[in-house]
Amino acid sequence: MSDTSKMPRYEVLWPLARRAVKDITLNRRFADNGAKRIGFIWDYMFRGNDMFPLLQAGLAEKYPGSTFVPYEHFGNVHGHDEREVLAALPDRLREAKLDAVVVGVGA
């Protein structure tokens, strides 16, 4: 039997912190694969101009007949006028009468 009194002793902290945000309820998925109206929002960083056409093609295949509102319609949510763009965003989304929005934030 070994003498544990001479072994180093370490304090251990729990690696998980308390949750800082509350859980939210997600919207339901589409009930069918019919045509949808889908918008795109982007912060003009990290290849959204490459990714959104690919996402749009996949969504158009899954939801034939869908229409898409490009990210240019909503403005740059991370640009010099981002406060104005974000303040106007709820109204612009309502006006666009979308079924869904794809938001791309570069990292």
PDB file of N, CA and C in Angstrom:
ATOM      1  N   MET A   1       0.842  -1.172   0.000  1.00  0.00           N
ATOM      2  CA  MET A   1       0.000   0.000   0.000  1.00  0.00           C
ATOM      3  C   MET A   1       0.888   1.237   0.000  1.00  0.00           C
ATOM      4  N   SER A   2       0.538   2.235  -0.864  1.00  0.00           N
ATOM      5  CA  SER A   2       1.392   3.423  -0.971  1.00  0.00           C
ATOM      6  C   SER A   2       0.925   4.508  -0.013  1.00  0.00           C
ATOM      7  N   ASP A   3       1.841   5.338   0.331  1.00  0.00           N
ATOM      8  CA  ASP A   3       1.543   6.447   1.234  1.00  0.00           C
ATOM      9  C   ASP A   3       1.081   7.642   0.395  1.00  0.00           C
ATOM     10  N   THR A   4      -0.220   7.932   0.399  1.00  0.00           N
ATOM     11  CA  THR A   4      -0.774   9.011  -0.419  1.00  0.00           C
ATOM     12  C   THR A   4      -0.520  10.393   0.168  1.00  0.00           C
ATOM     13  N   SER A   5      -0.063  10.484   1.377  1.00  0.00           N
ATOM     14  CA  SER A   5       0.171  11.795   1.993  1.00  0.00           C
ATOM     15  C   SER A   5       1.324  12.540   1.326  1.00  0.00           C
ATOM     16  N   LYS A   6       2.210  11.828   0.648  1.00  0.00           N
ATOM     17  CA  LYS A   6       3.352  12.461  -0.002  1.00  0.00           C
ATOM     18  C   LYS A   6       3.082  12.759  -1.479  1.00  0.00           C
ATOM     19  N   MET A   7       1.917  12.365  -1.988  1.00  0.00           N
ATOM     20  CA  MET A   7       1.580  12.609  -3.397  1.00  0.00           C
ATOM     21  C   MET A   7       1.111  14.056  -3.562  1.00  0.00           C
ATOM     22  N   PRO A   8       1.364  14.645  -4.730  1.00  0.00           N
ATOM     23  CA  PRO A   8       0.892  16.018  -4.951  1.00  0.00           C
ATOM     24  C   PRO A   8      -0.634  16.080  -4.865  1.00  0.00           C
ATOM     25  N   ARG A   9      -1.100  17.199  -4.436  1.00  0.00           N
ATOM     26  CA  ARG A   9      -2.545  17.392  -4.294  1.00  0.00           C
ATOM     27  C   ARG A   9      -2.956  18.551  -5.204  1.00  0.00           C
ATOM     28  N   TYR A  10      -4.021  18.368  -5.971  1.00  0.00           N
ATOM     29  CA  TYR A  10      -4.486  19.375  -6.924  1.00  0.00           C
ATOM     30  C   TYR A  10      -5.945  19.720  -6.658  1.00  0.00           C
ATOM     31  N   GLU A  11      -6.257  20.989  -6.824  1.00  0.00           N
ATOM     32  CA  GLU A  11      -7.655  21.395  -6.769  1.00  0.00           C
ATOM     33  C   GLU A  11      -8.225  21.206  -8.165  1.00  0.00           C
ATOM     34  N   VAL A  12      -9.446  20.752  -8.222  1.00  0.00           N
ATOM     35  CA  VAL A  12     -10.085  20.503  -9.505  1.00  0.00           C
ATOM     36  C   VAL A  12     -11.348  21.339  -9.599  1.00  0.00           C
ATOM     37  N   LEU A  13     -11.533  21.970 -10.760  1.00  0.00           N
ATOM     38  CA  LEU A  13     -12.734  22.758 -11.000  1.00  0.00           C
ATOM     39  C   LEU A  13     -13.624  22.025 -11.997  1.00  0.00           C
ATOM     40  N   TRP A  14     -14.911  22.167 -11.830  1.00  0.00           N
ATOM     41  CA  TRP A  14     -15.857  21.569 -12.765  1.00  0.00           C
ATOM     42  C   TRP A  14     -15.739  22.318 -14.094  1.00  0.00           C
ATOM     43  N   PRO A  15     -15.544  21.621 -15.203  1.00  0.00           N
ATOM     44  CA  PRO A  15     -15.290  22.308 -16.482  1.00  0.00           C
ATOM     45  C   PRO A  15     -16.524  22.962 -17.098  1.00  0.00           C
ATOM     46  N   LEU A  16     -17.686  22.645 -16.600  1.00  0.00           N
ATOM     47  CA  LEU A  16     -18.899  23.213 -17.178  1.00  0.00           C
ATOM     48  C   LEU A  16     -19.421  24.350 -16.304  1.00  0.00           C
ATOM     49  N   ALA A  17     -19.668  25.475 -16.942  1.00  0.00           N
ATOM     50  CA  ALA A  17     -20.191  26.628 -16.208  1.00  0.00           C
ATOM     51  C   ALA A  17     -21.714  26.557 -16.161  1.00  0.00           C
ATOM     52  N   ARG A  18     -22.280  27.381 -15.318  1.00  0.00           N
ATOM     53  CA  ARG A  18     -23.731  27.510 -15.304  1.00  0.00           C
ATOM     54  C   ARG A  18     -24.175  28.062 -16.644  1.00  0.00           C
ATOM     55  N   ARG A  19     -25.355  27.672 -17.091  1.00  0.00           N
ATOM     56  CA  ARG A  19     -25.871  28.159 -18.365  1.00  0.00           C
ATOM     57  C   ARG A  19     -26.151  29.653 -18.280  1.00  0.00           C
ATOM     58  N   ALA A  20     -25.682  30.378 -19.270  1.00  0.00           N
ATOM     59  CA  ALA A  20     -25.874  31.824 -19.300  1.00  0.00           C
ATOM     60  C   ALA A  20     -27.126  32.213 -20.085  1.00  0.00           C
ATOM     61  N   VAL A  21     -27.628  31.314 -20.905  1.00  0.00           N
ATOM     62  CA  VAL A  21     -28.826  31.603 -21.699  1.00  0.00           C
ATOM     63  C   VAL A  21     -29.900  30.571 -21.408  1.00  0.00           C
ATOM     64  N   LYS A  22     -31.116  30.979 -21.609  1.00  0.00           N
ATOM     65  CA  LYS A  22     -32.225  30.061 -21.403  1.00  0.00           C
ATOM     66  C   LYS A  22     -32.526  29.335 -22.706  1.00  0.00           C
ATOM     67  N   ASP A  23     -33.049  28.118 -22.587  1.00  0.00           N
ATOM     68  CA  ASP A  23     -33.450  27.372 -23.768  1.00  0.00           C
ATOM     69  C   ASP A  23     -34.591  28.093 -24.464  1.00  0.00           C
ATOM     70  N   ILE A  24     -34.618  27.977 -25.776  1.00  0.00           N
ATOM     71  CA  ILE A  24     -35.720  28.560 -26.529  1.00  0.00           C
ATOM     72  C   ILE A  24     -36.429  27.439 -27.277  1.00  0.00           C
ATOM     73  N   THR A  25     -37.656  27.665 -27.592  1.00  0.00           N
ATOM     74  CA  THR A  25     -38.415  26.696 -28.358  1.00  0.00           C
ATOM     75  C   THR A  25     -38.176  26.958 -29.838  1.00  0.00           C
ATOM     76  N   LEU A  26     -37.778  25.935 -30.550  1.00  0.00           N
ATOM     77  CA  LEU A  26     -37.538  26.077 -31.978  1.00  0.00           C
ATOM     78  C   LEU A  26     -38.852  26.028 -32.734  1.00  0.00           C
ATOM     79  N   ASN A  27     -38.886  26.688 -33.872  1.00  0.00           N
ATOM     80  CA  ASN A  27     -40.060  26.608 -34.729  1.00  0.00           C
ATOM     81  C   ASN A  27     -40.184  25.201 -35.296  1.00  0.00           C
ATOM     82  N   ARG A  28     -41.399  24.829 -35.643  1.00  0.00           N
ATOM     83  CA  ARG A  28     -41.615  23.515 -36.251  1.00  0.00           C
ATOM     84  C   ARG A  28     -40.989  23.462 -37.630  1.00  0.00           C
ATOM     85  N   ARG A  29     -40.602  22.271 -38.024  1.00  0.00           N
ATOM     86  CA  ARG A  29     -40.106  22.080 -39.385  1.00  0.00           C
ATOM     87  C   ARG A  29     -41.280  22.146 -40.339  1.00  0.00           C
ATOM     88  N   PHE A  30     -40.992  22.340 -41.607  1.00  0.00           N
ATOM     89  CA  PHE A  30     -42.056  22.375 -42.597  1.00  0.00           C
ATOM     90  C   PHE A  30     -42.804  21.053 -42.600  1.00  0.00           C
ATOM     91  N   ALA A  31     -44.116  21.116 -42.700  1.00  0.00           N
ATOM     92  CA  ALA A  31     -44.952  19.913 -42.695  1.00  0.00           C
ATOM     93  C   ALA A  31     -44.933  19.209 -44.051  1.00  0.00           C
ATOM     94  N   ASP A  32     -44.559  19.924 -45.103  1.00  0.00           N
ATOM     95  CA  ASP A  32     -44.558  19.316 -46.444  1.00  0.00           C
ATOM     96  C   ASP A  32     -43.374  19.842 -47.242  1.00  0.00           C
ATOM     97  N   ASN A  33     -43.186  19.293 -48.416  1.00  0.00           N
ATOM     98  CA  ASN A  33     -42.083  19.706 -49.283  1.00  0.00           C
ATOM     99  C   ASN A  33     -42.565  20.620 -50.401  1.00  0.00           C
ATOM    100  N   GLY A  34     -43.671  21.328 -50.153  1.00  0.00           N
ATOM    101  CA  GLY A  34     -44.191  22.265 -51.143  1.00  0.00           C
ATOM    102  C   GLY A  34     -43.316  23.500 -51.256  1.00  0.00           C
ATOM    103  N   ALA A  35     -43.661  24.348 -52.216  1.00  0.00           N
ATOM    104  CA  ALA A  35     -42.908  25.575 -52.470  1.00  0.00           C
ATOM    105  C   ALA A  35     -42.913  26.483 -51.238  1.00  0.00           C
ATOM    106  N   LYS A  36     -41.794  27.091 -50.985  1.00  0.00           N
ATOM    107  CA  LYS A  36     -41.623  28.012 -49.856  1.00  0.00           C
ATOM    108  C   LYS A  36     -41.034  29.323 -50.361  1.00  0.00           C
ATOM    109  N   ARG A  37     -41.074  30.326 -49.519  1.00  0.00           N
ATOM    110  CA  ARG A  37     -40.400  31.599 -49.787  1.00  0.00           C
ATOM    111  C   ARG A  37     -39.326  31.732 -48.710  1.00  0.00           C
ATOM    112  N   ILE A  38     -38.077  31.715 -49.143  1.00  0.00           N
ATOM    113  CA  ILE A  38     -36.949  31.635 -48.216  1.00  0.00           C
ATOM    114  C   ILE A  38     -36.012  32.817 -48.451  1.00  0.00           C
ATOM    115  N   GLY A  39     -35.649  33.480 -47.366  1.00  0.00           N
ATOM    116  CA  GLY A  39     -34.728  34.605 -47.443  1.00  0.00           C
ATOM    117  C   GLY A  39     -33.356  34.229 -46.911  1.00  0.00           C
ATOM    118  N   PHE A  40     -32.374  34.990 -47.332  1.00  0.00           N
ATOM    119  CA  PHE A  40     -31.001  34.802 -46.871  1.00  0.00           C
ATOM    120  C   PHE A  40     -30.512  36.092 -46.220  1.00  0.00           C
ATOM    121  N   ILE A  41     -29.837  35.960 -45.087  1.00  0.00           N
ATOM    122  CA  ILE A  41     -29.237  37.094 -44.393  1.00  0.00           C
ATOM    123  C   ILE A  41     -27.764  36.753 -44.176  1.00  0.00           C
ATOM    124  N   TRP A  42     -26.907  37.753 -44.411  1.00  0.00           N
ATOM    125  CA  TRP A  42     -25.470  37.495 -44.327  1.00  0.00           C
ATOM    126  C   TRP A  42     -24.753  38.702 -43.742  1.00  0.00           C
ATOM    127  N   ASP A  43     -23.614  38.451 -43.101  1.00  0.00           N
ATOM    128  CA  ASP A  43     -22.787  39.523 -42.558  1.00  0.00           C
ATOM    129  C   ASP A  43     -21.615  39.864 -43.486  1.00  0.00           C
ATOM    130  N   TYR A  44     -21.684  39.392 -44.716  1.00  0.00           N
ATOM    131  CA  TYR A  44     -20.688  39.684 -45.745  1.00  0.00           C
ATOM    132  C   TYR A  44     -19.272  39.274 -45.337  1.00  0.00           C
ATOM    133  N   MET A  45     -19.188  38.193 -44.578  1.00  0.00           N
ATOM    134  CA  MET A  45     -17.894  37.652 -44.191  1.00  0.00           C
ATOM    135  C   MET A  45     -17.874  36.162 -44.543  1.00  0.00           C
ATOM    136  N   PHE A  46     -16.734  35.620 -44.704  1.00  0.00           N
ATOM    137  CA  PHE A  46     -16.469  34.194 -44.876  1.00  0.00           C
ATOM    138  C   PHE A  46     -17.367  33.486 -45.891  1.00  0.00           C
ATOM    139  N   ARG A  47     -17.214  33.797 -47.137  1.00  0.00           N
ATOM    140  CA  ARG A  47     -17.670  33.005 -48.273  1.00  0.00           C
ATOM    141  C   ARG A  47     -19.176  32.776 -48.388  1.00  0.00           C
ATOM    142  N   GLY A  48     -19.965  33.626 -47.841  1.00  0.00           N
ATOM    143  CA  GLY A  48     -21.410  33.491 -48.019  1.00  0.00           C
ATOM    144  C   GLY A  48     -21.795  33.552 -49.482  1.00  0.00           C
ATOM    145  N   ASN A  49     -21.070  34.371 -50.252  1.00  0.00           N
ATOM    146  CA  ASN A  49     -21.348  34.474 -51.678  1.00  0.00           C
ATOM    147  C   ASN A  49     -21.092  33.150 -52.399  1.00  0.00           C
ATOM    148  N   ASP A  50     -20.272  32.286 -51.836  1.00  0.00           N
ATOM    149  CA  ASP A  50     -20.064  30.941 -52.377  1.00  0.00           C
ATOM    150  C   ASP A  50     -21.076  29.945 -51.813  1.00  0.00           C
ATOM    151  N   MET A  51     -21.422  30.099 -50.549  1.00  0.00           N
ATOM    152  CA  MET A  51     -22.270  29.120 -49.865  1.00  0.00           C
ATOM    153  C   MET A  51     -23.757  29.277 -50.175  1.00  0.00           C
ATOM    154  N   PHE A  52     -24.251  30.506 -50.238  1.00  0.00           N
ATOM    155  CA  PHE A  52     -25.685  30.692 -50.429  1.00  0.00           C
ATOM    156  C   PHE A  52     -26.199  30.102 -51.741  1.00  0.00           C
ATOM    157  N   PRO A  53     -25.483  30.219 -52.856  1.00  0.00           N
ATOM    158  CA  PRO A  53     -25.979  29.551 -54.071  1.00  0.00           C
ATOM    159  C   PRO A  53     -26.083  28.029 -53.903  1.00  0.00           C
ATOM    160  N   LEU A  54     -25.170  27.445 -53.156  1.00  0.00           N
ATOM    161  CA  LEU A  54     -25.237  26.001 -52.910  1.00  0.00           C
ATOM    162  C   LEU A  54     -26.425  25.655 -52.019  1.00  0.00           C
ATOM    163  N   LEU A  55     -26.628  26.449 -50.986  1.00  0.00           N
ATOM    164  CA  LEU A  55     -27.787  26.234 -50.113  1.00  0.00           C
ATOM    165  C   LEU A  55     -29.085  26.429 -50.889  1.00  0.00           C
ATOM    166  N   GLN A  56     -29.126  27.455 -51.709  1.00  0.00           N
ATOM    167  CA  GLN A  56     -30.335  27.714 -52.494  1.00  0.00           C
ATOM    168  C   GLN A  56     -30.626  26.549 -53.441  1.00  0.00           C
ATOM    169  N   ALA A  57     -29.600  26.019 -54.078  1.00  0.00           N
ATOM    170  CA  ALA A  57     -29.803  24.884 -54.984  1.00  0.00           C
ATOM    171  C   ALA A  57     -30.352  23.679 -54.231  1.00  0.00           C
ATOM    172  N   GLY A  58     -29.811  23.401 -53.054  1.00  0.00           N
ATOM    173  CA  GLY A  58     -30.296  22.273 -52.261  1.00  0.00           C
ATOM    174  C   GLY A  58     -31.723  22.482 -51.783  1.00  0.00           C
ATOM    175  N   LEU A  59     -32.043  23.689 -51.364  1.00  0.00           N
ATOM    176  CA  LEU A  59     -33.403  23.989 -50.910  1.00  0.00           C
ATOM    177  C   LEU A  59     -34.391  23.950 -52.071  1.00  0.00           C
ATOM    178  N   ALA A  60     -33.975  24.424 -53.241  1.00  0.00           N
ATOM    179  CA  ALA A  60     -34.849  24.390 -54.415  1.00  0.00           C
ATOM    180  C   ALA A  60     -35.142  22.952 -54.819  1.00  0.00           C
ATOM    181  N   GLU A  61     -34.188  22.077 -54.628  1.00  0.00           N
ATOM    182  CA  GLU A  61     -34.403  20.658 -54.943  1.00  0.00           C
ATOM    183  C   GLU A  61     -35.356  20.025 -53.932  1.00  0.00           C
ATOM    184  N   LYS A  62     -35.185  20.361 -52.660  1.00  0.00           N
ATOM    185  CA  LYS A  62     -36.039  19.787 -51.622  1.00  0.00           C
ATOM    186  C   LYS A  62     -37.441  20.379 -51.626  1.00  0.00           C
ATOM    187  N   TYR A  63     -37.534  21.668 -51.973  1.00  0.00           N
ATOM    188  CA  TYR A  63     -38.815  22.375 -51.989  1.00  0.00           C
ATOM    189  C   TYR A  63     -39.036  22.976 -53.380  1.00  0.00           C
ATOM    190  N   PRO A  64     -39.402  22.124 -54.351  1.00  0.00           N
ATOM    191  CA  PRO A  64     -39.555  22.593 -55.744  1.00  0.00           C
ATOM    192  C   PRO A  64     -40.548  23.746 -55.849  1.00  0.00           C
ATOM    193  N   GLY A  65     -40.223  24.700 -56.712  1.00  0.00           N
ATOM    194  CA  GLY A  65     -41.083  25.852 -56.924  1.00  0.00           C
ATOM    195  C   GLY A  65     -40.870  26.971 -55.933  1.00  0.00           C
ATOM    196  N   SER A  66     -39.920  26.809 -55.022  1.00  0.00           N
ATOM    197  CA  SER A  66     -39.660  27.838 -54.008  1.00  0.00           C
ATOM    198  C   SER A  66     -39.086  29.099 -54.636  1.00  0.00           C
ATOM    199  N   THR A  67     -39.308  30.212 -53.951  1.00  0.00           N
ATOM    200  CA  THR A  67     -38.694  31.466 -54.352  1.00  0.00           C
ATOM    201  C   THR A  67     -37.736  31.899 -53.242  1.00  0.00           C
ATOM    202  N   PHE A  68     -36.741  32.688 -53.631  1.00  0.00           N
ATOM    203  CA  PHE A  68     -35.695  33.062 -52.694  1.00  0.00           C
ATOM    204  C   PHE A  68     -35.469  34.566 -52.725  1.00  0.00           C
ATOM    205  N   VAL A  69     -35.287  35.136 -51.545  1.00  0.00           N
ATOM    206  CA  VAL A  69     -34.981  36.564 -51.413  1.00  0.00           C
ATOM    207  C   VAL A  69     -33.501  36.644 -51.044  1.00  0.00           C
ATOM    208  N   PRO A  70     -32.677  37.234 -51.910  1.00  0.00           N
ATOM    209  CA  PRO A  70     -31.232  37.243 -51.677  1.00  0.00           C
ATOM    210  C   PRO A  70     -30.818  38.126 -50.507  1.00  0.00           C
ATOM    211  N   TYR A  71     -29.638  37.864 -49.999  1.00  0.00           N
ATOM    212  CA  TYR A  71     -29.125  38.601 -48.841  1.00  0.00           C
ATOM    213  C   TYR A  71     -28.990  40.085 -49.132  1.00  0.00           C
ATOM    214  N   GLU A  72     -28.772  40.462 -50.380  1.00  0.00           N
ATOM    215  CA  GLU A  72     -28.631  41.882 -50.715  1.00  0.00           C
ATOM    216  C   GLU A  72     -29.904  42.664 -50.363  1.00  0.00           C
ATOM    217  N   HIS A  73     -31.032  42.003 -50.402  1.00  0.00           N
ATOM    218  CA  HIS A  73     -32.313  42.657 -50.093  1.00  0.00           C
ATOM    219  C   HIS A  73     -32.361  43.168 -48.649  1.00  0.00           C
ATOM    220  N   PHE A  74     -31.699  42.473 -47.742  1.00  0.00           N
ATOM    221  CA  PHE A  74     -31.779  42.805 -46.318  1.00  0.00           C
ATOM    222  C   PHE A  74     -30.623  43.674 -45.839  1.00  0.00           C
ATOM    223  N   GLY A  75     -29.536  43.736 -46.581  1.00  0.00           N
ATOM    224  CA  GLY A  75     -28.392  44.558 -46.191  1.00  0.00           C
ATOM    225  C   GLY A  75     -27.381  43.775 -45.368  1.00  0.00           C
ATOM    226  N   ASN A  76     -26.253  44.420 -45.139  1.00  0.00           N
ATOM    227  CA  ASN A  76     -25.134  43.829 -44.412  1.00  0.00           C
ATOM    228  C   ASN A  76     -25.365  43.975 -42.910  1.00  0.00           C
ATOM    229  N   VAL A  77     -25.582  42.852 -42.237  1.00  0.00           N
ATOM    230  CA  VAL A  77     -25.865  42.897 -40.799  1.00  0.00           C
ATOM    231  C   VAL A  77     -24.598  43.077 -39.957  1.00  0.00           C
ATOM    232  N   HIS A  78     -23.466  43.312 -40.626  1.00  0.00           N
ATOM    233  CA  HIS A  78     -22.212  43.536 -39.895  1.00  0.00           C
ATOM    234  C   HIS A  78     -21.384  44.634 -40.566  1.00  0.00           C
ATOM    235  N   GLY A  79     -22.034  45.586 -41.170  1.00  0.00           N
ATOM    236  CA  GLY A  79     -21.327  46.639 -41.878  1.00  0.00           C
ATOM    237  C   GLY A  79     -21.325  47.948 -41.115  1.00  0.00           C
ATOM    238  N   HIS A  80     -20.927  49.005 -41.809  1.00  0.00           N
ATOM    239  CA  HIS A  80     -20.837  50.323 -41.173  1.00  0.00           C
ATOM    240  C   HIS A  80     -22.196  50.828 -40.696  1.00  0.00           C
ATOM    241  N   ASP A  81     -23.272  50.359 -41.315  1.00  0.00           N
ATOM    242  CA  ASP A  81     -24.614  50.793 -40.913  1.00  0.00           C
ATOM    243  C   ASP A  81     -25.414  49.644 -40.295  1.00  0.00           C
ATOM    244  N   GLU A  82     -24.718  48.723 -39.636  1.00  0.00           N
ATOM    245  CA  GLU A  82     -25.379  47.527 -39.105  1.00  0.00           C
ATOM    246  C   GLU A  82     -26.496  47.851 -38.121  1.00  0.00           C
ATOM    247  N   ARG A  83     -26.362  48.886 -37.341  1.00  0.00           N
ATOM    248  CA  ARG A  83     -27.423  49.223 -36.380  1.00  0.00           C
ATOM    249  C   ARG A  83     -28.723  49.556 -37.098  1.00  0.00           C
ATOM    250  N   GLU A  84     -28.622  50.329 -38.153  1.00  0.00           N
ATOM    251  CA  GLU A  84     -29.810  50.681 -38.928  1.00  0.00           C
ATOM    252  C   GLU A  84     -30.372  49.446 -39.640  1.00  0.00           C
ATOM    253  N   VAL A  85     -29.487  48.632 -40.209  1.00  0.00           N
ATOM    254  CA  VAL A  85     -29.917  47.422 -40.913  1.00  0.00           C
ATOM    255  C   VAL A  85     -30.634  46.484 -39.942  1.00  0.00           C
ATOM    256  N   LEU A  86     -30.055  46.269 -38.771  1.00  0.00           N
ATOM    257  CA  LEU A  86     -30.671  45.369 -37.788  1.00  0.00           C
ATOM    258  C   LEU A  86     -31.971  45.940 -37.238  1.00  0.00           C
ATOM    259  N   ALA A  87     -32.039  47.246 -37.048  1.00  0.00           N
ATOM    260  CA  ALA A  87     -33.271  47.855 -36.559  1.00  0.00           C
ATOM    261  C   ALA A  87     -34.398  47.699 -37.576  1.00  0.00           C
ATOM    262  N   ALA A  88     -34.073  47.762 -38.856  1.00  0.00           N
ATOM    263  CA  ALA A  88     -35.076  47.640 -39.915  1.00  0.00           C
ATOM    264  C   ALA A  88     -35.402  46.185 -40.251  1.00  0.00           C
ATOM    265  N   LEU A  89     -34.576  45.264 -39.798  1.00  0.00           N
ATOM    266  CA  LEU A  89     -34.718  43.862 -40.200  1.00  0.00           C
ATOM    267  C   LEU A  89     -36.079  43.240 -39.874  1.00  0.00           C
ATOM    268  N   PRO A  90     -36.631  43.400 -38.683  1.00  0.00           N
ATOM    269  CA  PRO A  90     -37.936  42.775 -38.425  1.00  0.00           C
ATOM    270  C   PRO A  90     -39.014  43.207 -39.425  1.00  0.00           C
ATOM    271  N   ASP A  91     -39.060  44.499 -39.737  1.00  0.00           N
ATOM    272  CA  ASP A  91     -40.052  44.975 -40.711  1.00  0.00           C
ATOM    273  C   ASP A  91     -39.762  44.434 -42.110  1.00  0.00           C
ATOM    274  N   ARG A  92     -38.508  44.402 -42.485  1.00  0.00           N
ATOM    275  CA  ARG A  92     -38.150  43.897 -43.818  1.00  0.00           C
ATOM    276  C   ARG A  92     -38.478  42.413 -43.951  1.00  0.00           C
ATOM    277  N   LEU A  93     -38.280  41.661 -42.866  1.00  0.00           N
ATOM    278  CA  LEU A  93     -38.627  40.234 -42.896  1.00  0.00           C
ATOM    279  C   LEU A  93     -40.133  40.053 -43.037  1.00  0.00           C
ATOM    280  N   ARG A  94     -40.907  40.836 -42.285  1.00  0.00           N
ATOM    281  CA  ARG A  94     -42.373  40.748 -42.398  1.00  0.00           C
ATOM    282  C   ARG A  94     -42.838  41.126 -43.797  1.00  0.00           C
ATOM    283  N   GLU A  95     -42.280  42.202 -44.333  1.00  0.00           N
ATOM    284  CA  GLU A  95     -42.658  42.658 -45.676  1.00  0.00           C
ATOM    285  C   GLU A  95     -42.334  41.626 -46.744  1.00  0.00           C
ATOM    286  N   ALA A  96     -41.276  40.863 -46.541  1.00  0.00           N
ATOM    287  CA  ALA A  96     -40.867  39.856 -47.524  1.00  0.00           C
ATOM    288  C   ALA A  96     -41.766  38.617 -47.477  1.00  0.00           C
ATOM    289  N   LYS A  97     -42.574  38.488 -46.430  1.00  0.00           N
ATOM    290  CA  LYS A  97     -43.518  37.361 -46.288  1.00  0.00           C
ATOM    291  C   LYS A  97     -42.818  36.014 -46.500  1.00  0.00           C
ATOM    292  N   LEU A  98     -41.819  35.772 -45.669  1.00  0.00           N
ATOM    293  CA  LEU A  98     -40.994  34.571 -45.778  1.00  0.00           C
ATOM    294  C   LEU A  98     -41.565  33.415 -44.962  1.00  0.00           C
ATOM    295  N   ASP A  99     -41.296  32.219 -45.444  1.00  0.00           N
ATOM    296  CA  ASP A  99     -41.600  31.013 -44.668  1.00  0.00           C
ATOM    297  C   ASP A  99     -40.413  30.623 -43.793  1.00  0.00           C
ATOM    298  N   ALA A 100     -39.214  31.021 -44.210  1.00  0.00           N
ATOM    299  CA  ALA A 100     -37.997  30.674 -43.481  1.00  0.00           C
ATOM    300  C   ALA A 100     -36.883  31.635 -43.870  1.00  0.00           C
ATOM    301  N   VAL A 101     -35.878  31.706 -43.022  1.00  0.00           N
ATOM    302  CA  VAL A 101     -34.703  32.533 -43.271  1.00  0.00           C
ATOM    303  C   VAL A 101     -33.460  31.708 -42.973  1.00  0.00           C
ATOM    304  N   VAL A 102     -32.481  31.798 -43.847  1.00  0.00           N
ATOM    305  CA  VAL A 102     -31.164  31.194 -43.618  1.00  0.00           C
ATOM    306  C   VAL A 102     -30.227  32.345 -43.269  1.00  0.00           C
ATOM    307  N   VAL A 103     -29.607  32.270 -42.084  1.00  0.00           N
ATOM    308  CA  VAL A 103     -28.715  33.320 -41.633  1.00  0.00           C
ATOM    309  C   VAL A 103     -27.292  32.792 -41.656  1.00  0.00           C
ATOM    310  N   GLY A 104     -26.422  33.469 -42.365  1.00  0.00           N
ATOM    311  CA  GLY A 104     -25.024  33.068 -42.440  1.00  0.00           C
ATOM    312  C   GLY A 104     -24.153  34.093 -41.769  1.00  0.00           C
ATOM    313  N   VAL A 105     -23.452  33.664 -40.718  1.00  0.00           N
ATOM    314  CA  VAL A 105     -22.555  34.548 -39.989  1.00  0.00           C
ATOM    315  C   VAL A 105     -21.155  33.951 -40.086  1.00  0.00           C
ATOM    316  N   GLY A 106     -20.261  34.671 -40.712  1.00  0.00           N
ATOM    317  CA  GLY A 106     -18.900  34.174 -40.898  1.00  0.00           C
ATOM    318  C   GLY A 106     -18.108  34.156 -39.614  1.00  0.00           C
ATOM    319  N   ALA A 107     -17.121  33.290 -39.586  1.00  0.00           N
ATOM    320  CA  ALA A 107     -16.273  33.201 -38.413  1.00  0.00           C
ATOM    321  C   ALA A 107     -14.830  33.056 -38.845  1.00  0.00           C
TER     322      ALA A 107
END
